[in-house]
Amino acid sequence: MGEYLFADTYNQPRDRTLRPQGDGGWDFFFPGFGGVDVKTARKPWNLLVEEEHLLLERTIYVQCGYSDATDSAYFVGWAYGWDFDPPVRRFGKSLIWNHWLPAEWLHPMDCLPKALKIA
């Protein structure tokens, strides 16, 4: 749902391709900047990127929240790959180690077009 929100908001094609092996780290590509990876969570308190999947250069991560009540996604904020600190941790009962940024540390969405060089 977050990827569809991003695609519709930033005039990008919706990709409905199933990718069981992953997407290589980017959901969208912008020639003037690089890749965008959209993360969506029901409790978007932290922007999480798996330890082995963090791309520091030419990557922007966008955090979206998802509401069950409205069956819709909403933007929380975004960060550059280099904004993440090296420490990793596990959240909840997950065995996956993640880099993370608290939602309140994310850049506001109105600054994203300039970062992507589409403004």
N, C-alpha and C. Protein backbone atom coordinates (compact mmCIF):
# COMPACT_ATOMS: atom_id res chain seq x y z
N MET A 1 0.82 -1.20 0.00
CA MET A 1 0.00 0.00 0.00
C MET A 1 0.86 1.27 0.00
N GLY A 2 1.97 1.24 0.73
CA GLY A 2 2.86 2.40 0.75
C GLY A 2 3.49 2.66 -0.60
N GLU A 3 3.87 1.59 -1.29
CA GLU A 3 4.45 1.75 -2.63
C GLU A 3 3.43 2.34 -3.59
N TYR A 4 2.18 1.93 -3.49
CA TYR A 4 1.13 2.48 -4.36
C TYR A 4 0.90 3.96 -4.04
N LEU A 5 0.90 4.32 -2.76
CA LEU A 5 0.75 5.73 -2.37
C LEU A 5 1.89 6.54 -2.97
N PHE A 6 3.12 6.04 -2.85
CA PHE A 6 4.27 6.75 -3.39
C PHE A 6 4.15 6.89 -4.91
N ALA A 7 3.82 5.78 -5.58
CA ALA A 7 3.70 5.81 -7.04
C ALA A 7 2.66 6.83 -7.49
N ASP A 8 1.51 6.83 -6.84
CA ASP A 8 0.44 7.75 -7.23
C ASP A 8 0.81 9.20 -6.92
N THR A 9 1.47 9.44 -5.80
CA THR A 9 1.83 10.80 -5.38
C THR A 9 2.92 11.40 -6.27
N TYR A 10 3.90 10.57 -6.64
CA TYR A 10 5.06 11.08 -7.38
C TYR A 10 5.05 10.65 -8.85
N ASN A 11 3.85 10.31 -9.36
CA ASN A 11 3.66 10.02 -10.78
C ASN A 11 4.63 8.94 -11.30
N GLN A 12 4.70 7.84 -10.57
CA GLN A 12 5.54 6.71 -10.94
C GLN A 12 4.64 5.53 -11.29
N PRO A 13 5.12 4.63 -12.13
CA PRO A 13 4.30 3.45 -12.46
C PRO A 13 4.19 2.51 -11.26
N ARG A 14 3.00 1.94 -11.09
CA ARG A 14 2.81 0.91 -10.06
C ARG A 14 3.42 -0.39 -10.57
N ASP A 15 4.23 -1.01 -9.74
CA ASP A 15 4.86 -2.28 -10.11
C ASP A 15 4.13 -3.39 -9.37
N ARG A 16 3.43 -4.23 -10.11
CA ARG A 16 2.66 -5.33 -9.51
C ARG A 16 3.38 -6.67 -9.64
N THR A 17 4.65 -6.63 -10.01
CA THR A 17 5.42 -7.85 -10.19
C THR A 17 5.74 -8.49 -8.84
N LEU A 18 5.47 -9.80 -8.73
CA LEU A 18 5.86 -10.53 -7.52
C LEU A 18 7.37 -10.75 -7.57
N ARG A 19 8.05 -10.47 -6.46
CA ARG A 19 9.50 -10.61 -6.41
C ARG A 19 9.88 -11.41 -5.16
N PRO A 20 9.76 -12.74 -5.21
CA PRO A 20 10.05 -13.56 -4.04
C PRO A 20 11.50 -13.43 -3.55
N GLN A 21 12.42 -13.07 -4.45
CA GLN A 21 13.83 -12.93 -4.07
C GLN A 21 14.17 -11.47 -3.72
N GLY A 22 13.18 -10.59 -3.67
CA GLY A 22 13.42 -9.19 -3.35
C GLY A 22 13.54 -8.33 -4.60
N ASP A 23 13.66 -7.02 -4.38
CA ASP A 23 13.69 -6.07 -5.50
C ASP A 23 15.05 -5.42 -5.70
N GLY A 24 16.07 -5.92 -5.03
CA GLY A 24 17.40 -5.34 -5.18
C GLY A 24 17.61 -4.09 -4.36
N GLY A 25 16.64 -3.74 -3.53
CA GLY A 25 16.81 -2.61 -2.63
C GLY A 25 16.06 -1.35 -3.01
N TRP A 26 15.60 -1.25 -4.25
CA TRP A 26 14.89 -0.05 -4.68
C TRP A 26 13.52 -0.42 -5.22
N ASP A 27 12.53 0.39 -4.87
CA ASP A 27 11.20 0.23 -5.43
C ASP A 27 11.00 1.16 -6.63
N PHE A 28 11.71 2.29 -6.61
CA PHE A 28 11.60 3.31 -7.67
C PHE A 28 12.99 3.86 -7.95
N PHE A 29 13.21 4.33 -9.18
CA PHE A 29 14.48 4.93 -9.55
C PHE A 29 14.25 6.30 -10.16
N PHE A 30 15.03 7.28 -9.71
CA PHE A 30 14.97 8.64 -10.23
C PHE A 30 16.33 8.99 -10.81
N PRO A 31 16.42 9.21 -12.13
CA PRO A 31 17.71 9.44 -12.79
C PRO A 31 18.55 10.55 -12.17
N GLY A 32 17.93 11.60 -11.66
CA GLY A 32 18.70 12.70 -11.08
C GLY A 32 19.26 12.40 -9.72
N PHE A 33 18.77 11.35 -9.04
CA PHE A 33 19.25 11.04 -7.70
C PHE A 33 19.68 9.59 -7.57
N GLY A 34 18.73 8.68 -7.68
CA GLY A 34 19.01 7.26 -7.45
C GLY A 34 17.74 6.55 -7.07
N GLY A 35 17.84 5.63 -6.11
CA GLY A 35 16.71 4.78 -5.77
C GLY A 35 15.94 5.20 -4.55
N VAL A 36 14.68 4.78 -4.52
CA VAL A 36 13.80 5.00 -3.38
C VAL A 36 13.26 3.64 -2.96
N ASP A 37 13.34 3.37 -1.66
CA ASP A 37 12.80 2.15 -1.09
C ASP A 37 11.71 2.55 -0.10
N VAL A 38 10.50 2.11 -0.34
CA VAL A 38 9.35 2.48 0.50
C VAL A 38 9.11 1.37 1.53
N LYS A 39 9.02 1.75 2.79
CA LYS A 39 8.75 0.83 3.89
C LYS A 39 7.39 1.19 4.48
N THR A 40 6.56 0.20 4.71
CA THR A 40 5.22 0.44 5.24
C THR A 40 5.02 -0.42 6.48
N ALA A 41 4.44 0.17 7.53
CA ALA A 41 4.22 -0.55 8.79
C ALA A 41 2.92 -0.08 9.44
N ARG A 42 2.28 -0.98 10.14
CA ARG A 42 1.07 -0.61 10.88
C ARG A 42 1.42 0.29 12.07
N LYS A 43 2.59 0.10 12.63
CA LYS A 43 3.07 0.93 13.74
C LYS A 43 4.39 1.56 13.30
N PRO A 44 4.31 2.66 12.56
CA PRO A 44 5.51 3.24 11.96
C PRO A 44 6.31 4.12 12.91
N TRP A 45 6.63 3.60 14.07
CA TRP A 45 7.36 4.36 15.08
C TRP A 45 8.83 4.54 14.70
N ASN A 46 9.36 3.57 13.94
CA ASN A 46 10.75 3.60 13.50
C ASN A 46 10.80 3.20 12.03
N LEU A 47 11.69 3.83 11.30
CA LEU A 47 11.97 3.41 9.93
C LEU A 47 13.03 2.32 10.04
N LEU A 48 12.68 1.11 9.61
CA LEU A 48 13.57 -0.05 9.74
C LEU A 48 14.11 -0.48 8.39
N VAL A 49 15.41 -0.78 8.36
CA VAL A 49 16.04 -1.35 7.17
C VAL A 49 16.90 -2.52 7.64
N GLU A 50 16.65 -3.69 7.06
CA GLU A 50 17.40 -4.87 7.47
C GLU A 50 18.90 -4.63 7.34
N GLU A 51 19.63 -5.20 8.28
CA GLU A 51 21.08 -4.98 8.37
C GLU A 51 21.80 -5.21 7.04
N GLU A 52 21.49 -6.29 6.36
CA GLU A 52 22.19 -6.62 5.12
C GLU A 52 21.67 -5.84 3.91
N HIS A 53 20.59 -5.06 4.08
CA HIS A 53 19.96 -4.40 2.94
C HIS A 53 20.14 -2.89 2.92
N LEU A 54 20.83 -2.32 3.89
CA LEU A 54 21.00 -0.87 3.93
C LEU A 54 21.94 -0.42 2.82
N LEU A 55 21.43 0.46 1.96
CA LEU A 55 22.22 1.06 0.88
C LEU A 55 22.47 2.52 1.26
N LEU A 56 23.72 2.87 1.50
CA LEU A 56 24.04 4.21 1.99
C LEU A 56 24.05 5.26 0.89
N GLU A 57 24.54 4.91 -0.27
CA GLU A 57 24.72 5.89 -1.34
C GLU A 57 23.54 5.90 -2.30
N ARG A 58 23.10 7.09 -2.67
CA ARG A 58 22.06 7.29 -3.68
C ARG A 58 20.78 6.50 -3.40
N THR A 59 20.42 6.43 -2.12
CA THR A 59 19.19 5.75 -1.73
C THR A 59 18.44 6.60 -0.73
N ILE A 60 17.13 6.69 -0.94
CA ILE A 60 16.23 7.34 0.01
C ILE A 60 15.23 6.30 0.47
N TYR A 61 15.00 6.27 1.77
CA TYR A 61 14.01 5.38 2.37
C TYR A 61 12.81 6.21 2.80
N VAL A 62 11.62 5.79 2.39
CA VAL A 62 10.38 6.49 2.73
C VAL A 62 9.58 5.62 3.68
N GLN A 63 9.19 6.19 4.81
CA GLN A 63 8.37 5.48 5.80
C GLN A 63 6.90 5.83 5.59
N CYS A 64 6.08 4.80 5.44
CA CYS A 64 4.64 4.96 5.37
C CYS A 64 4.00 4.19 6.51
N GLY A 65 2.87 4.68 6.96
CA GLY A 65 2.06 3.95 7.91
C GLY A 65 0.89 3.33 7.18
N TYR A 66 0.28 2.34 7.81
CA TYR A 66 -0.89 1.70 7.23
C TYR A 66 -2.00 1.67 8.28
N SER A 67 -3.20 2.08 7.87
CA SER A 67 -4.37 2.08 8.75
C SER A 67 -5.31 0.95 8.35
N ASP A 68 -5.54 0.01 9.28
CA ASP A 68 -6.52 -1.05 9.02
C ASP A 68 -7.92 -0.47 8.91
N ALA A 69 -8.20 0.56 9.71
CA ALA A 69 -9.55 1.13 9.75
C ALA A 69 -9.97 1.71 8.40
N THR A 70 -9.03 2.32 7.69
CA THR A 70 -9.35 2.93 6.39
C THR A 70 -8.77 2.15 5.21
N ASP A 71 -8.02 1.07 5.51
CA ASP A 71 -7.35 0.28 4.47
C ASP A 71 -6.57 1.19 3.53
N SER A 72 -5.77 2.07 4.14
CA SER A 72 -5.01 3.02 3.34
C SER A 72 -3.65 3.30 3.99
N ALA A 73 -2.74 3.78 3.18
CA ALA A 73 -1.41 4.15 3.64
C ALA A 73 -1.31 5.67 3.75
N TYR A 74 -0.36 6.11 4.55
CA TYR A 74 -0.09 7.54 4.71
C TYR A 74 1.41 7.73 4.90
N PHE A 75 1.92 8.89 4.51
CA PHE A 75 3.35 9.18 4.63
C PHE A 75 3.69 9.58 6.06
N VAL A 76 4.87 9.13 6.51
CA VAL A 76 5.39 9.52 7.82
C VAL A 76 6.60 10.44 7.64
N GLY A 77 7.51 10.08 6.74
CA GLY A 77 8.71 10.88 6.49
C GLY A 77 9.70 10.06 5.68
N TRP A 78 10.90 10.60 5.53
CA TRP A 78 11.92 9.92 4.73
C TRP A 78 13.31 10.21 5.26
N ALA A 79 14.28 9.41 4.81
CA ALA A 79 15.68 9.58 5.22
C ALA A 79 16.59 9.11 4.10
N TYR A 80 17.77 9.72 4.03
CA TYR A 80 18.82 9.23 3.15
C TYR A 80 19.42 7.96 3.77
N GLY A 81 19.99 7.11 2.95
CA GLY A 81 20.67 5.92 3.48
C GLY A 81 21.77 6.28 4.45
N TRP A 82 22.48 7.38 4.20
CA TRP A 82 23.58 7.77 5.08
C TRP A 82 23.10 8.38 6.41
N ASP A 83 21.80 8.61 6.56
CA ASP A 83 21.27 9.12 7.83
C ASP A 83 21.26 8.05 8.93
N PHE A 84 21.33 6.78 8.55
CA PHE A 84 21.25 5.71 9.53
C PHE A 84 22.57 5.54 10.25
N ASP A 85 22.51 5.36 11.56
CA ASP A 85 23.70 5.05 12.34
C ASP A 85 24.02 3.57 12.18
N PRO A 86 25.29 3.21 12.33
CA PRO A 86 25.66 1.80 12.18
C PRO A 86 25.02 0.81 13.16
N PRO A 87 24.70 1.18 14.41
CA PRO A 87 24.18 0.14 15.30
C PRO A 87 22.90 -0.50 14.77
N VAL A 88 22.75 -1.77 15.06
CA VAL A 88 21.56 -2.51 14.68
C VAL A 88 20.93 -3.11 15.93
N ARG A 89 19.65 -3.43 15.84
CA ARG A 89 18.96 -4.10 16.94
C ARG A 89 17.78 -4.87 16.40
N ARG A 90 17.23 -5.73 17.24
CA ARG A 90 16.03 -6.48 16.89
C ARG A 90 14.84 -5.79 17.54
N PHE A 91 13.71 -5.82 16.87
CA PHE A 91 12.49 -5.22 17.39
C PHE A 91 11.48 -6.32 17.66
N GLY A 92 10.86 -6.27 18.84
CA GLY A 92 9.88 -7.27 19.21
C GLY A 92 10.51 -8.65 19.29
N LYS A 93 9.81 -9.64 18.78
CA LYS A 93 10.29 -11.02 18.81
C LYS A 93 11.03 -11.41 17.54
N SER A 94 11.27 -10.45 16.68
CA SER A 94 11.93 -10.72 15.40
C SER A 94 13.37 -11.17 15.60
N LEU A 95 13.82 -12.05 14.74
CA LEU A 95 15.22 -12.47 14.74
C LEU A 95 16.05 -11.66 13.76
N ILE A 96 15.40 -10.72 13.07
CA ILE A 96 16.07 -9.91 12.05
C ILE A 96 16.70 -8.68 12.71
N TRP A 97 17.97 -8.44 12.38
CA TRP A 97 18.67 -7.25 12.86
C TRP A 97 18.40 -6.11 11.88
N ASN A 98 18.04 -4.94 12.43
CA ASN A 98 17.69 -3.78 11.61
C ASN A 98 18.46 -2.54 12.01
N HIS A 99 18.78 -1.72 11.01
CA HIS A 99 19.15 -0.33 11.27
C HIS A 99 17.83 0.39 11.47
N TRP A 100 17.81 1.47 12.23
CA TRP A 100 16.55 2.15 12.49
C TRP A 100 16.74 3.64 12.72
N LEU A 101 15.68 4.37 12.43
CA LEU A 101 15.59 5.79 12.75
C LEU A 101 14.21 6.04 13.34
N PRO A 102 14.12 6.71 14.47
CA PRO A 102 12.80 7.05 15.01
C PRO A 102 12.04 7.95 14.05
N ALA A 103 10.74 7.78 13.97
CA ALA A 103 9.91 8.56 13.04
C ALA A 103 10.10 10.07 13.21
N GLU A 104 10.30 10.51 14.44
CA GLU A 104 10.45 11.96 14.67
C GLU A 104 11.76 12.51 14.12
N TRP A 105 12.69 11.67 13.72
CA TRP A 105 13.95 12.12 13.13
C TRP A 105 13.90 12.19 11.61
N LEU A 106 12.81 11.76 11.00
CA LEU A 106 12.72 11.71 9.55
C LEU A 106 12.49 13.09 8.94
N HIS A 107 12.93 13.25 7.70
CA HIS A 107 12.70 14.49 6.96
C HIS A 107 11.23 14.58 6.58
N PRO A 108 10.67 15.80 6.52
CA PRO A 108 9.27 15.95 6.09
C PRO A 108 9.11 15.66 4.60
N MET A 109 7.95 15.16 4.25
CA MET A 109 7.69 14.76 2.86
C MET A 109 7.76 15.93 1.89
N ASP A 110 7.46 17.15 2.32
CA ASP A 110 7.47 18.26 1.38
C ASP A 110 8.88 18.60 0.89
N CYS A 111 9.92 18.05 1.53
CA CYS A 111 11.30 18.26 1.08
C CYS A 111 11.77 17.18 0.10
N LEU A 112 10.99 16.13 -0.07
CA LEU A 112 11.42 15.00 -0.91
C LEU A 112 11.59 15.36 -2.39
N PRO A 113 10.67 16.09 -3.02
CA PRO A 113 10.88 16.39 -4.45
C PRO A 113 12.21 17.07 -4.75
N LYS A 114 12.65 17.97 -3.89
CA LYS A 114 13.93 18.64 -4.10
C LYS A 114 15.09 17.64 -3.98
N ALA A 115 15.01 16.75 -2.99
CA ALA A 115 16.06 15.73 -2.81
C ALA A 115 16.14 14.81 -4.02
N LEU A 116 15.01 14.47 -4.60
CA LEU A 116 14.97 13.59 -5.76
C LEU A 116 15.22 14.33 -7.07
N LYS A 117 15.38 15.64 -6.97
CA LYS A 117 15.63 16.50 -8.13
C LYS A 117 14.49 16.46 -9.13
N ILE A 118 13.25 16.44 -8.58
CA ILE A 118 12.07 16.48 -9.44
C ILE A 118 11.26 17.75 -9.18
N ALA A 119 11.78 18.64 -8.33
CA ALA A 119 11.07 19.88 -8.03
C ALA A 119 11.61 21.03 -8.86
